[in-house]
Structure formats: structure tokens, C-alpha cells
Amino acid sequence: MIWEVFRQEKPGDYHTHCGNVHAPDREMAKQFAVVQHGRRKPTESLWVVPQEEVGEVDADEVAFGGTTDKSYRWAMAYTSSTEHAKEVIASQQEQEQAEADRQRGDD
């Protein structure tokens, strides 16, 4: 039987797929997962799941993200060559200079 293994590196991190093990039962699969996947990198925990229990939903079955065009939300839809971008950069530089002057005491 094939078991899929997911590893969590640090507390609070997501578990990510790191491979699989071949084992006859759950306990052996957990032991094999520790030996094969838990010792190579820092590991907080492992999930060991029977391969046939892992479900997949792909783009052929579902329209992920809805059907409306929301490309305006992606940063790649914006260009940095506009006057507004230059104004923002100039403003940031002015703020940094003012902060440096305050720290030196140049009021």
C-alpha cells in the first residue's frame, strides 16, 4: 500500500507534500515516514495518509476563483512607468530624508 507523506518544518507552517512510503499498515507507514522524511530536514510533524484517500480537484472540474475577470487585483496589471509612480518614489525619498534630519536633530 502507498502512503503519502506531508511534512511541517516549524510550528505554524503549512504541511507540504514531501513524498510517499510503501507499507502494509498505518503504523509501519508512520515509522517509514519518520525514517525517510523526518530525519533529513527540520521536522515538527508528519501527516501520513493512504494514497487512495487523497482527493484532487482540478481546473477541468471547477472554475477556480470564479468566472469574472479580476486581473485588476494582480500587481502585474499595473505599470510602474507612470507619473504617479515617480511621485510616490519622490515622496518616499522626502520622508526618508526628513526622518534622517530628525534623527540628527536638524529641525
PDB file of N, CA and C in Angstrom:
ATOM      1  N   MET A   1       0.843  -1.178   0.000  1.00  0.00           N
ATOM      2  CA  MET A   1       0.000   0.000   0.000  1.00  0.00           C
ATOM      3  C   MET A   1       0.892   1.246   0.000  1.00  0.00           C
ATOM      4  N   ILE A   2       0.474   2.268  -0.737  1.00  0.00           N
ATOM      5  CA  ILE A   2       1.250   3.508  -0.807  1.00  0.00           C
ATOM      6  C   ILE A   2       0.614   4.557   0.107  1.00  0.00           C
ATOM      7  N   TRP A   3       1.471   5.228   0.869  1.00  0.00           N
ATOM      8  CA  TRP A   3       1.048   6.265   1.804  1.00  0.00           C
ATOM      9  C   TRP A   3       1.739   7.573   1.429  1.00  0.00           C
ATOM     10  N   GLU A   4       0.986   8.651   1.314  1.00  0.00           N
ATOM     11  CA  GLU A   4       1.552   9.966   1.007  1.00  0.00           C
ATOM     12  C   GLU A   4       1.982  10.637   2.312  1.00  0.00           C
ATOM     13  N   VAL A   5       3.112  11.333   2.269  1.00  0.00           N
ATOM     14  CA  VAL A   5       3.671  11.952   3.473  1.00  0.00           C
ATOM     15  C   VAL A   5       3.745  13.462   3.285  1.00  0.00           C
ATOM     16  N   PHE A   6       3.259  14.188   4.286  1.00  0.00           N
ATOM     17  CA  PHE A   6       3.280  15.653   4.304  1.00  0.00           C
ATOM     18  C   PHE A   6       4.070  16.087   5.534  1.00  0.00           C
ATOM     19  N   ARG A   7       4.985  17.033   5.358  1.00  0.00           N
ATOM     20  CA  ARG A   7       5.889  17.443   6.437  1.00  0.00           C
ATOM     21  C   ARG A   7       5.667  18.905   6.816  1.00  0.00           C
ATOM     22  N   GLN A   8       5.686  19.158   8.122  1.00  0.00           N
ATOM     23  CA  GLN A   8       5.632  20.517   8.664  1.00  0.00           C
ATOM     24  C   GLN A   8       6.999  20.810   9.264  1.00  0.00           C
ATOM     25  N   GLU A   9       7.661  21.869   8.779  1.00  0.00           N
ATOM     26  CA  GLU A   9       9.009  22.171   9.240  1.00  0.00           C
ATOM     27  C   GLU A   9       9.031  22.848  10.603  1.00  0.00           C
ATOM     28  N   LYS A  10       8.167  23.867  10.802  1.00  0.00           N
ATOM     29  CA  LYS A  10       8.125  24.606  12.068  1.00  0.00           C
ATOM     30  C   LYS A  10       6.681  24.729  12.521  1.00  0.00           C
ATOM     31  N   PRO A  11       6.445  24.892  13.821  1.00  0.00           N
ATOM     32  CA  PRO A  11       5.067  25.086  14.290  1.00  0.00           C
ATOM     33  C   PRO A  11       4.427  26.282  13.587  1.00  0.00           C
ATOM     34  N   GLY A  12       3.213  26.117  13.131  1.00  0.00           N
ATOM     35  CA  GLY A  12       2.510  27.186  12.440  1.00  0.00           C
ATOM     36  C   GLY A  12       2.675  27.155  10.930  1.00  0.00           C
ATOM     37  N   ASP A  13       3.681  26.416  10.423  1.00  0.00           N
ATOM     38  CA  ASP A  13       3.863  26.282   8.976  1.00  0.00           C
ATOM     39  C   ASP A  13       2.809  25.344   8.399  1.00  0.00           C
ATOM     40  N   TYR A  14       2.600  25.453   7.095  1.00  0.00           N
ATOM     41  CA  TYR A  14       1.738  24.511   6.401  1.00  0.00           C
ATOM     42  C   TYR A  14       2.465  23.177   6.240  1.00  0.00           C
ATOM     43  N   HIS A  15       1.708  22.112   6.167  1.00  0.00           N
ATOM     44  CA  HIS A  15       2.280  20.818   5.809  1.00  0.00           C
ATOM     45  C   HIS A  15       2.415  20.787   4.287  1.00  0.00           C
ATOM     46  N   THR A  16       3.557  20.347   3.792  1.00  0.00           N
ATOM     47  CA  THR A  16       3.771  20.241   2.350  1.00  0.00           C
ATOM     48  C   THR A  16       4.125  18.799   2.001  1.00  0.00           C
ATOM     49  N   HIS A  17       3.708  18.387   0.819  1.00  0.00           N
ATOM     50  CA  HIS A  17       3.962  17.021   0.381  1.00  0.00           C
ATOM     51  C   HIS A  17       5.459  16.819   0.204  1.00  0.00           C
ATOM     52  N   CYS A  18       5.992  15.766   0.793  1.00  0.00           N
ATOM     53  CA  CYS A  18       7.432  15.521   0.701  1.00  0.00           C
ATOM     54  C   CYS A  18       7.747  14.164   0.077  1.00  0.00           C
ATOM     55  N   GLY A  19       6.728  13.373  -0.219  1.00  0.00           N
ATOM     56  CA  GLY A  19       6.972  12.076  -0.845  1.00  0.00           C
ATOM     57  C   GLY A  19       5.974  11.027  -0.390  1.00  0.00           C
ATOM     58  N   ASN A  20       6.365   9.766  -0.548  1.00  0.00           N
ATOM     59  CA  ASN A  20       5.488   8.686  -0.117  1.00  0.00           C
ATOM     60  C   ASN A  20       6.316   7.526   0.400  1.00  0.00           C
ATOM     61  N   VAL A  21       5.631   6.606   1.048  1.00  0.00           N
ATOM     62  CA  VAL A  21       6.264   5.387   1.550  1.00  0.00           C
ATOM     63  C   VAL A  21       5.367   4.202   1.190  1.00  0.00           C
ATOM     64  N   HIS A  22       5.970   3.036   1.095  1.00  0.00           N
ATOM     65  CA  HIS A  22       5.233   1.796   0.855  1.00  0.00           C
ATOM     66  C   HIS A  22       5.230   1.012   2.163  1.00  0.00           C
ATOM     67  N   ALA A  23       4.037   0.717   2.667  1.00  0.00           N
ATOM     68  CA  ALA A  23       3.927   0.000   3.946  1.00  0.00           C
ATOM     69  C   ALA A  23       2.608  -0.777   3.976  1.00  0.00           C
ATOM     70  N   PRO A  24       2.579  -1.886   4.733  1.00  0.00           N
ATOM     71  CA  PRO A  24       1.356  -2.699   4.789  1.00  0.00           C
ATOM     72  C   PRO A  24       0.257  -2.109   5.682  1.00  0.00           C
ATOM     73  N   ASP A  25       0.638  -1.270   6.667  1.00  0.00           N
ATOM     74  CA  ASP A  25      -0.368  -0.704   7.568  1.00  0.00           C
ATOM     75  C   ASP A  25       0.068   0.693   8.030  1.00  0.00           C
ATOM     76  N   ARG A  26      -0.836   1.357   8.759  1.00  0.00           N
ATOM     77  CA  ARG A  26      -0.618   2.739   9.186  1.00  0.00           C
ATOM     78  C   ARG A  26       0.612   2.888  10.089  1.00  0.00           C
ATOM     79  N   GLU A  27       0.771   1.997  11.051  1.00  0.00           N
ATOM     80  CA  GLU A  27       1.900   2.114  11.987  1.00  0.00           C
ATOM     81  C   GLU A  27       3.249   1.981  11.277  1.00  0.00           C
ATOM     82  N   MET A  28       3.348   1.029  10.364  1.00  0.00           N
ATOM     83  CA  MET A  28       4.591   0.879   9.603  1.00  0.00           C
ATOM     84  C   MET A  28       4.817   2.088   8.702  1.00  0.00           C
ATOM     85  N   ALA A  29       3.739   2.604   8.133  1.00  0.00           N
ATOM     86  CA  ALA A  29       3.849   3.779   7.269  1.00  0.00           C
ATOM     87  C   ALA A  29       4.375   4.980   8.064  1.00  0.00           C
ATOM     88  N   LYS A  30       3.897   5.142   9.280  1.00  0.00           N
ATOM     89  CA  LYS A  30       4.374   6.252  10.118  1.00  0.00           C
ATOM     90  C   LYS A  30       5.854   6.075  10.462  1.00  0.00           C
ATOM     91  N   GLN A  31       6.242   4.853  10.772  1.00  0.00           N
ATOM     92  CA  GLN A  31       7.657   4.598  11.086  1.00  0.00           C
ATOM     93  C   GLN A  31       8.548   4.848   9.871  1.00  0.00           C
ATOM     94  N   PHE A  32       8.123   4.365   8.708  1.00  0.00           N
ATOM     95  CA  PHE A  32       8.892   4.583   7.483  1.00  0.00           C
ATOM     96  C   PHE A  32       8.969   6.071   7.146  1.00  0.00           C
ATOM     97  N   ALA A  33       7.876   6.791   7.370  1.00  0.00           N
ATOM     98  CA  ALA A  33       7.853   8.226   7.078  1.00  0.00           C
ATOM     99  C   ALA A  33       8.854   8.975   7.956  1.00  0.00           C
ATOM    100  N   VAL A  34       8.926   8.604   9.233  1.00  0.00           N
ATOM    101  CA  VAL A  34       9.894   9.245  10.140  1.00  0.00           C
ATOM    102  C   VAL A  34      11.316   8.988   9.650  1.00  0.00           C
ATOM    103  N   VAL A  35      11.605   7.746   9.292  1.00  0.00           N
ATOM    104  CA  VAL A  35      12.958   7.388   8.850  1.00  0.00           C
ATOM    105  C   VAL A  35      13.297   8.070   7.522  1.00  0.00           C
ATOM    106  N   GLN A  36      12.377   8.017   6.566  1.00  0.00           N
ATOM    107  CA  GLN A  36      12.676   8.506   5.222  1.00  0.00           C
ATOM    108  C   GLN A  36      12.494  10.008   5.039  1.00  0.00           C
ATOM    109  N   HIS A  37      11.555  10.619   5.772  1.00  0.00           N
ATOM    110  CA  HIS A  37      11.243  12.018   5.521  1.00  0.00           C
ATOM    111  C   HIS A  37      11.389  12.933   6.740  1.00  0.00           C
ATOM    112  N   GLY A  38      11.466  12.360   7.920  1.00  0.00           N
ATOM    113  CA  GLY A  38      11.530  13.188   9.121  1.00  0.00           C
ATOM    114  C   GLY A  38      12.928  13.482   9.611  1.00  0.00           C
ATOM    115  N   ARG A  39      13.913  12.799   9.095  1.00  0.00           N
ATOM    116  CA  ARG A  39      15.279  12.973   9.602  1.00  0.00           C
ATOM    117  C   ARG A  39      16.156  13.824   8.703  1.00  0.00           C
ATOM    118  N   ARG A  40      15.745  14.056   7.481  1.00  0.00           N
ATOM    119  CA  ARG A  40      16.597  14.771   6.523  1.00  0.00           C
ATOM    120  C   ARG A  40      16.590  16.272   6.717  1.00  0.00           C
ATOM    121  N   LYS A  41      15.473  16.804   7.145  1.00  0.00           N
ATOM    122  CA  LYS A  41      15.320  18.252   7.338  1.00  0.00           C
ATOM    123  C   LYS A  41      14.648  18.481   8.684  1.00  0.00           C
ATOM    124  N   PRO A  42      14.711  19.723   9.202  1.00  0.00           N
ATOM    125  CA  PRO A  42      13.990  20.003  10.451  1.00  0.00           C
ATOM    126  C   PRO A  42      12.506  19.664  10.276  1.00  0.00           C
ATOM    127  N   THR A  43      11.958  18.943  11.239  1.00  0.00           N
ATOM    128  CA  THR A  43      10.576  18.487  11.122  1.00  0.00           C
ATOM    129  C   THR A  43       9.849  18.668  12.440  1.00  0.00           C
ATOM    130  N   GLU A  44       8.701  19.310  12.375  1.00  0.00           N
ATOM    131  CA  GLU A  44       7.831  19.452  13.542  1.00  0.00           C
ATOM    132  C   GLU A  44       6.818  18.308  13.590  1.00  0.00           C
ATOM    133  N   SER A  45       6.215  17.988  12.442  1.00  0.00           N
ATOM    134  CA  SER A  45       5.260  16.876  12.410  1.00  0.00           C
ATOM    135  C   SER A  45       5.128  16.331  10.994  1.00  0.00           C
ATOM    136  N   LEU A  46       4.600  15.125  10.898  1.00  0.00           N
ATOM    137  CA  LEU A  46       4.336  14.473   9.618  1.00  0.00           C
ATOM    138  C   LEU A  46       2.882  14.039   9.576  1.00  0.00           C
ATOM    139  N   TRP A  47       2.279  14.171   8.417  1.00  0.00           N
ATOM    140  CA  TRP A  47       0.975  13.571   8.164  1.00  0.00           C
ATOM    141  C   TRP A  47       1.208  12.398   7.217  1.00  0.00           C
ATOM    142  N   VAL A  48       0.648  11.254   7.542  1.00  0.00           N
ATOM    143  CA  VAL A  48       0.784  10.064   6.703  1.00  0.00           C
ATOM    144  C   VAL A  48      -0.629   9.632   6.315  1.00  0.00           C
ATOM    145  N   VAL A  49      -0.905   9.645   5.002  1.00  0.00           N
ATOM    146  CA  VAL A  49      -2.264   9.446   4.505  1.00  0.00           C
ATOM    147  C   VAL A  49      -2.272   8.380   3.415  1.00  0.00           C
ATOM    148  N   PRO A  50      -3.247   7.431   3.457  1.00  0.00           N
ATOM    149  CA  PRO A  50      -3.334   6.463   2.368  1.00  0.00           C
ATOM    150  C   PRO A  50      -3.532   7.190   1.030  1.00  0.00           C
ATOM    151  N   GLN A  51      -2.795   6.765   0.031  1.00  0.00           N
ATOM    152  CA  GLN A  51      -2.839   7.447  -1.266  1.00  0.00           C
ATOM    153  C   GLN A  51      -4.255   7.519  -1.834  1.00  0.00           C
ATOM    154  N   GLU A  52      -5.022   6.451  -1.661  1.00  0.00           N
ATOM    155  CA  GLU A  52      -6.376   6.458  -2.229  1.00  0.00           C
ATOM    156  C   GLU A  52      -7.331   7.411  -1.506  1.00  0.00           C
ATOM    157  N   GLU A  53      -6.924   7.901  -0.334  1.00  0.00           N
ATOM    158  CA  GLU A  53      -7.745   8.852   0.413  1.00  0.00           C
ATOM    159  C   GLU A  53      -7.460  10.307   0.039  1.00  0.00           C
ATOM    160  N   VAL A  54      -6.426  10.544  -0.747  1.00  0.00           N
ATOM    161  CA  VAL A  54      -6.102  11.911  -1.171  1.00  0.00           C
ATOM    162  C   VAL A  54      -6.977  12.241  -2.367  1.00  0.00           C
ATOM    163  N   GLY A  55      -7.780  13.283  -2.238  1.00  0.00           N
ATOM    164  CA  GLY A  55      -8.664  13.690  -3.321  1.00  0.00           C
ATOM    165  C   GLY A  55      -8.079  14.860  -4.089  1.00  0.00           C
ATOM    166  N   GLU A  56      -8.415  14.942  -5.359  1.00  0.00           N
ATOM    167  CA  GLU A  56      -7.923  16.025  -6.194  1.00  0.00           C
ATOM    168  C   GLU A  56      -9.091  16.729  -6.857  1.00  0.00           C
ATOM    169  N   VAL A  57      -9.022  18.040  -6.875  1.00  0.00           N
ATOM    170  CA  VAL A  57      -9.968  18.861  -7.619  1.00  0.00           C
ATOM    171  C   VAL A  57      -9.126  19.690  -8.569  1.00  0.00           C
ATOM    172  N   ASP A  58      -9.355  19.536  -9.872  1.00  0.00           N
ATOM    173  CA  ASP A  58      -8.532  20.292 -10.816  1.00  0.00           C
ATOM    174  C   ASP A  58      -9.385  21.245 -11.650  1.00  0.00           C
ATOM    175  N   ALA A  59      -8.727  22.020 -12.478  1.00  0.00           N
ATOM    176  CA  ALA A  59      -9.398  23.067 -13.249  1.00  0.00           C
ATOM    177  C   ALA A  59     -10.392  22.503 -14.260  1.00  0.00           C
ATOM    178  N   ASP A  60     -10.280  21.234 -14.612  1.00  0.00           N
ATOM    179  CA  ASP A  60     -11.260  20.632 -15.521  1.00  0.00           C
ATOM    180  C   ASP A  60     -12.609  20.442 -14.840  1.00  0.00           C
ATOM    181  N   GLU A  61     -12.592  20.328 -13.514  1.00  0.00           N
ATOM    182  CA  GLU A  61     -13.823  20.086 -12.764  1.00  0.00           C
ATOM    183  C   GLU A  61     -14.457  21.371 -12.234  1.00  0.00           C
ATOM    184  N   VAL A  62     -13.617  22.353 -11.895  1.00  0.00           N
ATOM    185  CA  VAL A  62     -14.089  23.551 -11.207  1.00  0.00           C
ATOM    186  C   VAL A  62     -13.425  24.779 -11.806  1.00  0.00           C
ATOM    187  N   ALA A  63     -14.157  25.869 -11.850  1.00  0.00           N
ATOM    188  CA  ALA A  63     -13.569  27.144 -12.260  1.00  0.00           C
ATOM    189  C   ALA A  63     -13.050  27.837 -11.004  1.00  0.00           C
ATOM    190  N   PHE A  64     -11.771  27.681 -10.720  1.00  0.00           N
ATOM    191  CA  PHE A  64     -11.195  28.284  -9.530  1.00  0.00           C
ATOM    192  C   PHE A  64     -11.217  29.806  -9.627  1.00  0.00           C
ATOM    193  N   GLY A  65     -11.552  30.456  -8.520  1.00  0.00           N
ATOM    194  CA  GLY A  65     -11.527  31.910  -8.481  1.00  0.00           C
ATOM    195  C   GLY A  65     -12.724  32.573  -9.127  1.00  0.00           C
ATOM    196  N   GLY A  66     -13.721  31.828  -9.471  1.00  0.00           N
ATOM    197  CA  GLY A  66     -14.909  32.418 -10.077  1.00  0.00           C
ATOM    198  C   GLY A  66     -14.739  32.616 -11.574  1.00  0.00           C
ATOM    199  N   THR A  67     -15.767  33.157 -12.182  1.00  0.00           N
ATOM    200  CA  THR A  67     -15.750  33.320 -13.633  1.00  0.00           C
ATOM    201  C   THR A  67     -15.524  34.755 -14.062  1.00  0.00           C
ATOM    202  N   THR A  68     -15.464  35.676 -13.131  1.00  0.00           N
ATOM    203  CA  THR A  68     -15.255  37.076 -13.510  1.00  0.00           C
ATOM    204  C   THR A  68     -13.774  37.386 -13.594  1.00  0.00           C
ATOM    205  N   ASP A  69     -13.418  38.323 -14.446  1.00  0.00           N
ATOM    206  CA  ASP A  69     -12.031  38.731 -14.619  1.00  0.00           C
ATOM    207  C   ASP A  69     -11.634  39.660 -13.477  1.00  0.00           C
ATOM    208  N   LYS A  70     -10.683  39.231 -12.674  1.00  0.00           N
ATOM    209  CA  LYS A  70     -10.225  40.041 -11.542  1.00  0.00           C
ATOM    210  C   LYS A  70      -8.740  40.353 -11.678  1.00  0.00           C
ATOM    211  N   SER A  71      -8.268  40.423 -12.907  1.00  0.00           N
ATOM    212  CA  SER A  71      -6.850  40.678 -13.125  1.00  0.00           C
ATOM    213  C   SER A  71      -6.437  42.044 -12.601  1.00  0.00           C
ATOM    214  N   TYR A  72      -7.398  42.955 -12.417  1.00  0.00           N
ATOM    215  CA  TYR A  72      -7.081  44.268 -11.861  1.00  0.00           C
ATOM    216  C   TYR A  72      -6.540  44.157 -10.440  1.00  0.00           C
ATOM    217  N   ARG A  73      -6.752  43.026  -9.788  1.00  0.00           N
ATOM    218  CA  ARG A  73      -6.248  42.829  -8.428  1.00  0.00           C
ATOM    219  C   ARG A  73      -4.790  42.381  -8.397  1.00  0.00           C
ATOM    220  N   TRP A  74      -4.271  41.938  -9.514  1.00  0.00           N
ATOM    221  CA  TRP A  74      -2.914  41.410  -9.560  1.00  0.00           C
ATOM    222  C   TRP A  74      -1.940  42.532  -9.839  1.00  0.00           C
ATOM    223  N   ALA A  75      -0.840  42.522  -9.149  1.00  0.00           N
ATOM    224  CA  ALA A  75       0.154  43.580  -9.302  1.00  0.00           C
ATOM    225  C   ALA A  75       0.702  43.649 -10.716  1.00  0.00           C
ATOM    226  N   MET A  76       0.708  42.548 -11.441  1.00  0.00           N
ATOM    227  CA  MET A  76       1.258  42.569 -12.789  1.00  0.00           C
ATOM    228  C   MET A  76       0.385  43.374 -13.749  1.00  0.00           C
ATOM    229  N   ALA A  77      -0.817  43.747 -13.326  1.00  0.00           N
ATOM    230  CA  ALA A  77      -1.691  44.535 -14.184  1.00  0.00           C
ATOM    231  C   ALA A  77      -1.338  46.022 -14.136  1.00  0.00           C
ATOM    232  N   TYR A  78      -0.460  46.402 -13.228  1.00  0.00           N
ATOM    233  CA  TYR A  78      -0.088  47.802 -13.076  1.00  0.00           C
ATOM    234  C   TYR A  78       1.295  48.036 -13.666  1.00  0.00           C
ATOM    235  N   THR A  79       1.498  49.226 -14.208  1.00  0.00           N
ATOM    236  CA  THR A  79       2.819  49.569 -14.731  1.00  0.00           C
ATOM    237  C   THR A  79       3.465  50.595 -13.803  1.00  0.00           C
ATOM    238  N   SER A  80       4.781  50.564 -13.732  1.00  0.00           N
ATOM    239  CA  SER A  80       5.486  51.485 -12.846  1.00  0.00           C
ATOM    240  C   SER A  80       6.072  52.667 -13.608  1.00  0.00           C
ATOM    241  N   SER A  81       5.711  52.830 -14.865  1.00  0.00           N
ATOM    242  CA  SER A  81       6.297  53.894 -15.662  1.00  0.00           C
ATOM    243  C   SER A  81       5.435  55.154 -15.690  1.00  0.00           C
ATOM    244  N   THR A  82       4.437  55.229 -14.842  1.00  0.00           N
ATOM    245  CA  THR A  82       3.559  56.393 -14.850  1.00  0.00           C
ATOM    246  C   THR A  82       4.118  57.500 -13.964  1.00  0.00           C
ATOM    247  N   GLU A  83       3.584  58.676 -14.135  1.00  0.00           N
ATOM    248  CA  GLU A  83       3.985  59.823 -13.313  1.00  0.00           C
ATOM    249  C   GLU A  83       3.655  59.577 -11.843  1.00  0.00           C
ATOM    250  N   HIS A  84       2.578  58.839 -11.591  1.00  0.00           N
ATOM    251  CA  HIS A  84       2.191  58.563 -10.212  1.00  0.00           C
ATOM    252  C   HIS A  84       3.282  57.796  -9.487  1.00  0.00           C
ATOM    253  N   ALA A  85       3.885  56.824 -10.165  1.00  0.00           N
ATOM    254  CA  ALA A  85       4.950  56.040  -9.546  1.00  0.00           C
ATOM    255  C   ALA A  85       6.137  56.930  -9.209  1.00  0.00           C
ATOM    256  N   LYS A  86       6.481  57.841 -10.099  1.00  0.00           N
ATOM    257  CA  LYS A  86       7.586  58.764  -9.843  1.00  0.00           C
ATOM    258  C   LYS A  86       7.276  59.653  -8.641  1.00  0.00           C
ATOM    259  N   GLU A  87       6.019  60.087  -8.543  1.00  0.00           N
ATOM    260  CA  GLU A  87       5.593  60.924  -7.418  1.00  0.00           C
ATOM    261  C   GLU A  87       5.691  60.164  -6.093  1.00  0.00           C
ATOM    262  N   VAL A  88       5.302  58.915  -6.107  1.00  0.00           N
ATOM    263  CA  VAL A  88       5.375  58.093  -4.894  1.00  0.00           C
ATOM    264  C   VAL A  88       6.836  57.901  -4.476  1.00  0.00           C
ATOM    265  N   ILE A  89       7.709  57.627  -5.437  1.00  0.00           N
ATOM    266  CA  ILE A  89       9.134  57.440  -5.134  1.00  0.00           C
ATOM    267  C   ILE A  89       9.726  58.724  -4.564  1.00  0.00           C
ATOM    268  N   ALA A  90       9.395  59.863  -5.170  1.00  0.00           N
ATOM    269  CA  ALA A  90       9.900  61.154  -4.680  1.00  0.00           C
ATOM    270  C   ALA A  90       9.393  61.426  -3.266  1.00  0.00           C
ATOM    271  N   SER A  91       8.137  61.126  -3.005  1.00  0.00           N
ATOM    272  CA  SER A  91       7.568  61.331  -1.674  1.00  0.00           C
ATOM    273  C   SER A  91       8.263  60.452  -0.642  1.00  0.00           C
ATOM    274  N   GLN A  92       8.531  59.192  -1.002  1.00  0.00           N
ATOM    275  CA  GLN A  92       9.227  58.279  -0.099  1.00  0.00           C
ATOM    276  C   GLN A  92      10.615  58.806   0.223  1.00  0.00           C
ATOM    277  N   GLN A  93      11.315  59.316  -0.789  1.00  0.00           N
ATOM    278  CA  GLN A  93      12.657  59.862  -0.575  1.00  0.00           C
ATOM    279  C   GLN A  93      12.612  61.079   0.345  1.00  0.00           C
ATOM    280  N   GLU A  94      11.601  61.934   0.163  1.00  0.00           N
ATOM    281  CA  GLU A  94      11.442  63.102   1.036  1.00  0.00           C
ATOM    282  C   GLU A  94      11.199  62.671   2.477  1.00  0.00           C
ATOM    283  N   GLN A  95      10.370  61.646   2.658  1.00  0.00           N
ATOM    284  CA  GLN A  95      10.082  61.164   4.007  1.00  0.00           C
ATOM    285  C   GLN A  95      11.323  60.574   4.658  1.00  0.00           C
ATOM    286  N   GLU A  96      12.101  59.831   3.889  1.00  0.00           N
ATOM    287  CA  GLU A  96      13.331  59.255   4.427  1.00  0.00           C
ATOM    288  C   GLU A  96      14.332  60.340   4.807  1.00  0.00           C
ATOM    289  N   GLN A  97      14.420  61.385   3.981  1.00  0.00           N
ATOM    290  CA  GLN A  97      15.329  62.488   4.280  1.00  0.00           C
ATOM    291  C   GLN A  97      14.876  63.236   5.535  1.00  0.00           C
ATOM    292  N   ALA A  98      13.574  63.475   5.658  1.00  0.00           N
ATOM    293  CA  ALA A  98      13.047  64.162   6.837  1.00  0.00           C
ATOM    294  C   ALA A  98      13.312  63.343   8.102  1.00  0.00           C
ATOM    295  N   GLU A  99      13.158  62.029   8.028  1.00  0.00           N
ATOM    296  CA  GLU A  99      13.425  61.167   9.182  1.00  0.00           C
ATOM    297  C   GLU A  99      14.902  61.209   9.555  1.00  0.00           C
ATOM    298  N   ALA A 100      15.779  61.183   8.558  1.00  0.00           N
ATOM    299  CA  ALA A 100      17.212  61.270   8.823  1.00  0.00           C
ATOM    300  C   ALA A 100      17.559  62.607   9.471  1.00  0.00           C
ATOM    301  N   ASP A 101      16.952  63.691   8.992  1.00  0.00           N
ATOM    302  CA  ASP A 101      17.182  65.025   9.579  1.00  0.00           C
ATOM    303  C   ASP A 101      16.699  65.076  11.021  1.00  0.00           C
ATOM    304  N   ARG A 102      15.547  64.474  11.305  1.00  0.00           N
ATOM    305  CA  ARG A 102      15.029  64.467  12.686  1.00  0.00           C
ATOM    306  C   ARG A 102      15.962  63.713  13.608  1.00  0.00           C
ATOM    307  N   GLN A 103      16.503  62.600  13.129  1.00  0.00           N
ATOM    308  CA  GLN A 103      17.391  61.800  13.975  1.00  0.00           C
ATOM    309  C   GLN A 103      18.709  62.535  14.253  1.00  0.00           C
ATOM    310  N   ARG A 104      19.150  63.349  13.317  1.00  0.00           N
ATOM    311  CA  ARG A 104      20.370  64.149  13.517  1.00  0.00           C
ATOM    312  C   ARG A 104      20.086  65.398  14.336  1.00  0.00           C
ATOM    313  N   GLY A 105      18.822  65.775  14.435  1.00  0.00           N
ATOM    314  CA  GLY A 105      18.446  66.965  15.179  1.00  0.00           C
ATOM    315  C   GLY A 105      18.444  68.223  14.326  1.00  0.00           C
ATOM    316  N   ASP A 106      18.333  68.081  13.015  1.00  0.00           N
ATOM    317  CA  ASP A 106      18.310  69.216  12.080  1.00  0.00           C
ATOM    318  C   ASP A 106      16.885  69.673  11.854  1.00  0.00           C
ATOM    319  N   ASP A 107      16.234  70.214  12.825  1.00  0.00           N
ATOM    320  CA  ASP A 107      14.825  70.622  12.651  1.00  0.00           C
ATOM    321  C   ASP A 107      14.638  71.758  11.749  1.00  0.00           C
TER     322      ASP A 107
END
